[in-house]
Structures are given as structure tokens and as C-alpha cells.
C-alpha atoms as a PDB file:
ATOM      1  CA  UNK A   1     -10.333  14.237   5.884  1.00  0.00           C
ATOM      2  CA  UNK A   2      -7.325  15.880   4.276  1.00  0.00           C
ATOM      3  CA  UNK A   3      -5.573  16.073   7.675  1.00  0.00           C
ATOM      4  CA  UNK A   4      -6.001  12.338   8.421  1.00  0.00           C
ATOM      5  CA  UNK A   5      -2.649  10.749   9.319  1.00  0.00           C
ATOM      6  CA  UNK A   6      -3.530   7.049   9.631  1.00  0.00           C
ATOM      7  CA  UNK A   7      -6.177   5.158   7.703  1.00  0.00           C
ATOM      8  CA  UNK A   8      -6.903   1.513   8.455  1.00  0.00           C
ATOM      9  CA  UNK A   9      -8.963  -0.131   5.711  1.00  0.00           C
ATOM     10  CA  UNK A  10      -7.865  -3.640   6.627  1.00  0.00           C
ATOM     11  CA  UNK A  11     -10.271  -6.592   6.833  1.00  0.00           C
ATOM     12  CA  UNK A  12     -13.047  -4.966   4.794  1.00  0.00           C
ATOM     13  CA  UNK A  13     -13.211  -7.318   1.772  1.00  0.00           C
ATOM     14  CA  UNK A  14     -12.371  -4.333  -0.452  1.00  0.00           C
ATOM     15  CA  UNK A  15     -11.924  -5.091  -4.150  1.00  0.00           C
ATOM     16  CA  UNK A  16     -10.670  -1.611  -5.049  1.00  0.00           C
ATOM     17  CA  UNK A  17      -9.327   1.514  -3.389  1.00  0.00           C
ATOM     18  CA  UNK A  18     -11.144   4.736  -4.317  1.00  0.00           C
ATOM     19  CA  UNK A  19      -9.069   7.483  -5.893  1.00  0.00           C
ATOM     20  CA  UNK A  20     -11.075  10.021  -3.934  1.00  0.00           C
ATOM     21  CA  UNK A  21     -10.556  10.830  -1.114  1.00  0.00           C
ATOM     22  CA  UNK A  22      -7.234   8.956  -0.962  1.00  0.00           C
ATOM     23  CA  UNK A  23      -5.547  11.264  -3.452  1.00  0.00           C
ATOM     24  CA  UNK A  24      -6.385  14.285  -1.301  1.00  0.00           C
ATOM     25  CA  UNK A  25      -4.926  12.899   1.930  1.00  0.00           C
ATOM     26  CA  UNK A  26      -1.628  14.732   1.830  1.00  0.00           C
ATOM     27  CA  UNK A  27      -1.016  14.236   5.579  1.00  0.00           C
ATOM     28  CA  UNK A  28      -1.439  10.459   5.487  1.00  0.00           C
ATOM     29  CA  UNK A  29       1.522   8.689   7.134  1.00  0.00           C
ATOM     30  CA  UNK A  30       0.115   5.140   7.502  1.00  0.00           C
ATOM     31  CA  UNK A  31      -2.176   3.223   5.171  1.00  0.00           C
ATOM     32  CA  UNK A  32      -3.259  -0.296   6.110  1.00  0.00           C
ATOM     33  CA  UNK A  33      -4.868  -2.295   3.310  1.00  0.00           C
ATOM     34  CA  UNK A  34      -4.105  -5.819   4.508  1.00  0.00           C
ATOM     35  CA  UNK A  35      -6.549  -8.747   4.448  1.00  0.00           C
ATOM     36  CA  UNK A  36      -8.835  -7.434   1.734  1.00  0.00           C
ATOM     37  CA  UNK A  37      -9.594  -8.706  -1.756  1.00  0.00           C
ATOM     38  CA  UNK A  38      -7.539  -6.203  -3.733  1.00  0.00           C
ATOM     39  CA  UNK A  39      -6.098  -7.126  -7.119  1.00  0.00           C
ATOM     40  CA  UNK A  40      -4.170  -3.868  -7.449  1.00  0.00           C
ATOM     41  CA  UNK A  41      -3.400  -0.656  -5.627  1.00  0.00           C
ATOM     42  CA  UNK A  42      -3.739   2.678  -7.436  1.00  0.00           C
ATOM     43  CA  UNK A  43      -0.444   4.178  -8.511  1.00  0.00           C
ATOM     44  CA  UNK A  44      -1.416   7.600  -7.161  1.00  0.00           C
ATOM     45  CA  UNK A  45      -0.506   6.295  -3.696  1.00  0.00           C
ATOM     46  CA  UNK A  46       3.038   7.131  -4.781  1.00  0.00           C
ATOM     47  CA  UNK A  47       2.043  10.816  -4.615  1.00  0.00           C
ATOM     48  CA  UNK A  48       1.412  10.650  -0.854  1.00  0.00           C
ATOM     49  CA  UNK A  49       4.696  12.248   0.187  1.00  0.00           C
ATOM     50  CA  UNK A  50       4.119  11.785   3.952  1.00  0.00           C
ATOM     51  CA  UNK A  51       3.341   8.059   3.685  1.00  0.00           C
ATOM     52  CA  UNK A  52       5.764   6.024   5.817  1.00  0.00           C
ATOM     53  CA  UNK A  53       3.866   2.761   6.358  1.00  0.00           C
ATOM     54  CA  UNK A  54       1.975   0.755   3.745  1.00  0.00           C
ATOM     55  CA  UNK A  55       0.657  -2.728   4.555  1.00  0.00           C
ATOM     56  CA  UNK A  56      -0.715  -4.854   1.718  1.00  0.00           C
ATOM     57  CA  UNK A  57      -0.333  -8.437   2.923  1.00  0.00           C
ATOM     58  CA  UNK A  58      -3.287 -10.818   2.837  1.00  0.00           C
ATOM     59  CA  UNK A  59      -4.666  -9.755  -0.552  1.00  0.00           C
ATOM     60  CA  UNK A  60      -4.677 -13.088  -2.429  1.00  0.00           C
ATOM     61  CA  UNK A  61      -5.888 -11.593  -5.727  1.00  0.00           C
ATOM     62  CA  UNK A  62      -2.977  -9.150  -5.976  1.00  0.00           C
ATOM     63  CA  UNK A  63      -0.542 -10.293  -8.635  1.00  0.00           C
ATOM     64  CA  UNK A  64       1.612  -7.210  -9.161  1.00  0.00           C
ATOM     65  CA  UNK A  65       2.396  -3.753  -7.926  1.00  0.00           C
ATOM     66  CA  UNK A  66       2.286  -0.657 -10.096  1.00  0.00           C
ATOM     67  CA  UNK A  67       5.604   0.671 -11.342  1.00  0.00           C
ATOM     68  CA  UNK A  68       4.648   3.848  -9.507  1.00  0.00           C
ATOM     69  CA  UNK A  69       5.618   2.088  -6.282  1.00  0.00           C
ATOM     70  CA  UNK A  70       9.238   2.664  -7.232  1.00  0.00           C
ATOM     71  CA  UNK A  71       8.549   6.324  -6.372  1.00  0.00           C
ATOM     72  CA  UNK A  72       7.867   5.413  -2.721  1.00  0.00           C
ATOM     73  CA  UNK A  73      11.425   6.224  -1.653  1.00  0.00           C
ATOM     74  CA  UNK A  74      10.198   7.863   1.566  1.00  0.00           C
ATOM     75  CA  UNK A  75       8.317   4.792   2.828  1.00  0.00           C
ATOM     76  CA  UNK A  76       9.977   3.305   5.910  1.00  0.00           C
ATOM     77  CA  UNK A  77       7.848   0.174   6.192  1.00  0.00           C
ATOM     78  CA  UNK A  78       6.299  -1.809   3.337  1.00  0.00           C
ATOM     79  CA  UNK A  79       4.511  -5.090   3.879  1.00  0.00           C
ATOM     80  CA  UNK A  80       3.537  -7.235   0.880  1.00  0.00           C
ATOM     81  CA  UNK A  81       3.101 -10.890   1.778  1.00  0.00           C
ATOM     82  CA  UNK A  82       1.548 -13.910   0.071  1.00  0.00           C
ATOM     83  CA  UNK A  83       0.941 -12.495  -3.362  1.00  0.00           C
ATOM     84  CA  UNK A  84      -0.610 -15.038  -5.704  1.00  0.00           C
ATOM     85  CA  UNK A  85       1.433 -15.298  -8.908  1.00  0.00           C
ATOM     86  CA  UNK A  86       1.164 -17.881 -11.690  1.00  0.00           C
ATOM     87  CA  UNK A  87      -1.162 -20.164  -9.787  1.00  0.00           C
ATOM     88  CA  UNK A  88       0.668 -20.156  -6.464  1.00  0.00           C
ATOM     89  CA  UNK A  89       1.807 -17.919  -3.651  1.00  0.00           C
ATOM     90  CA  UNK A  90       5.358 -17.073  -4.560  1.00  0.00           C
ATOM     91  CA  UNK A  91       6.160 -13.574  -3.342  1.00  0.00           C
ATOM     92  CA  UNK A  92       6.808 -12.629   0.259  1.00  0.00           C
ATOM     93  CA  UNK A  93       8.180  -9.274   1.262  1.00  0.00           C
ATOM     94  CA  UNK A  94       8.416  -7.251   4.419  1.00  0.00           C
ATOM     95  CA  UNK A  95      10.752  -4.310   4.389  1.00  0.00           C
ATOM     96  CA  UNK A  96      11.539  -1.968   7.207  1.00  0.00           C
ATOM     97  CA  UNK A  97      14.320   0.463   6.503  1.00  0.00           C
ATOM     98  CA  UNK A  98      15.716   3.846   7.369  1.00  0.00           C
ATOM     99  CA  UNK A  99      15.086   6.735   5.033  1.00  0.00           C
ATOM    100  CA  UNK A 100      18.332   8.480   4.171  1.00  0.00           C
ATOM    101  CA  UNK A 101      16.817  11.137   1.901  1.00  0.00           C
ATOM    102  CA  UNK A 102      17.089  14.662   3.256  1.00  0.00           C
END
């Protein structure tokens, strides 16, 4: 599975993302985790240097993102929508941008 480029784990009622095998997927370019029951996403996702698309929307238990997500400078599309914070849905984000790092 190390050579897998796209992994769609959406709509699986997942409560957690396993560190293995995700940490070994160095070729992963797209990871779809939307519409699950995640409360957090492991920070080691930031080590996936080929990752360009990460979708996290539709996880109502998620209240914050790891500081490791600041390392995702190579991601071109990040979707985080309807995060439940302080008793209400207050955070909506969808970013699609060009990567200028060379």
C-alpha cells in the first residue's frame, strides 16, 4: 500500500485514523476523510510530502486541528467545514491555492 496515491475513507463513521499504514504512504496525494466522526486528525499527516488534497469537512466532533498542520505548505486543497466549537458550528474553511514552493 505504500504506492497508493489516493485514499478515500469518507463516510465510514471513523472515530480515529490509524497511524499505520497511513504513516507509510509516502506516495499519497489525496486523502478524503470527510463525513466521519473524527475528533482529531493525527499530526503525522504533515509528514506526507506528496499530499495535495485533504478533505475533512463533515466531522462534527472535530474541534481543532493539530499545530502540525502548519507544516502542510505543499497542500493545494484543504477542506475543513462545519467544525463544532464551543457548542456551535463556527468554523468554515475551504482553501484552494497554488503552491509556490520550488
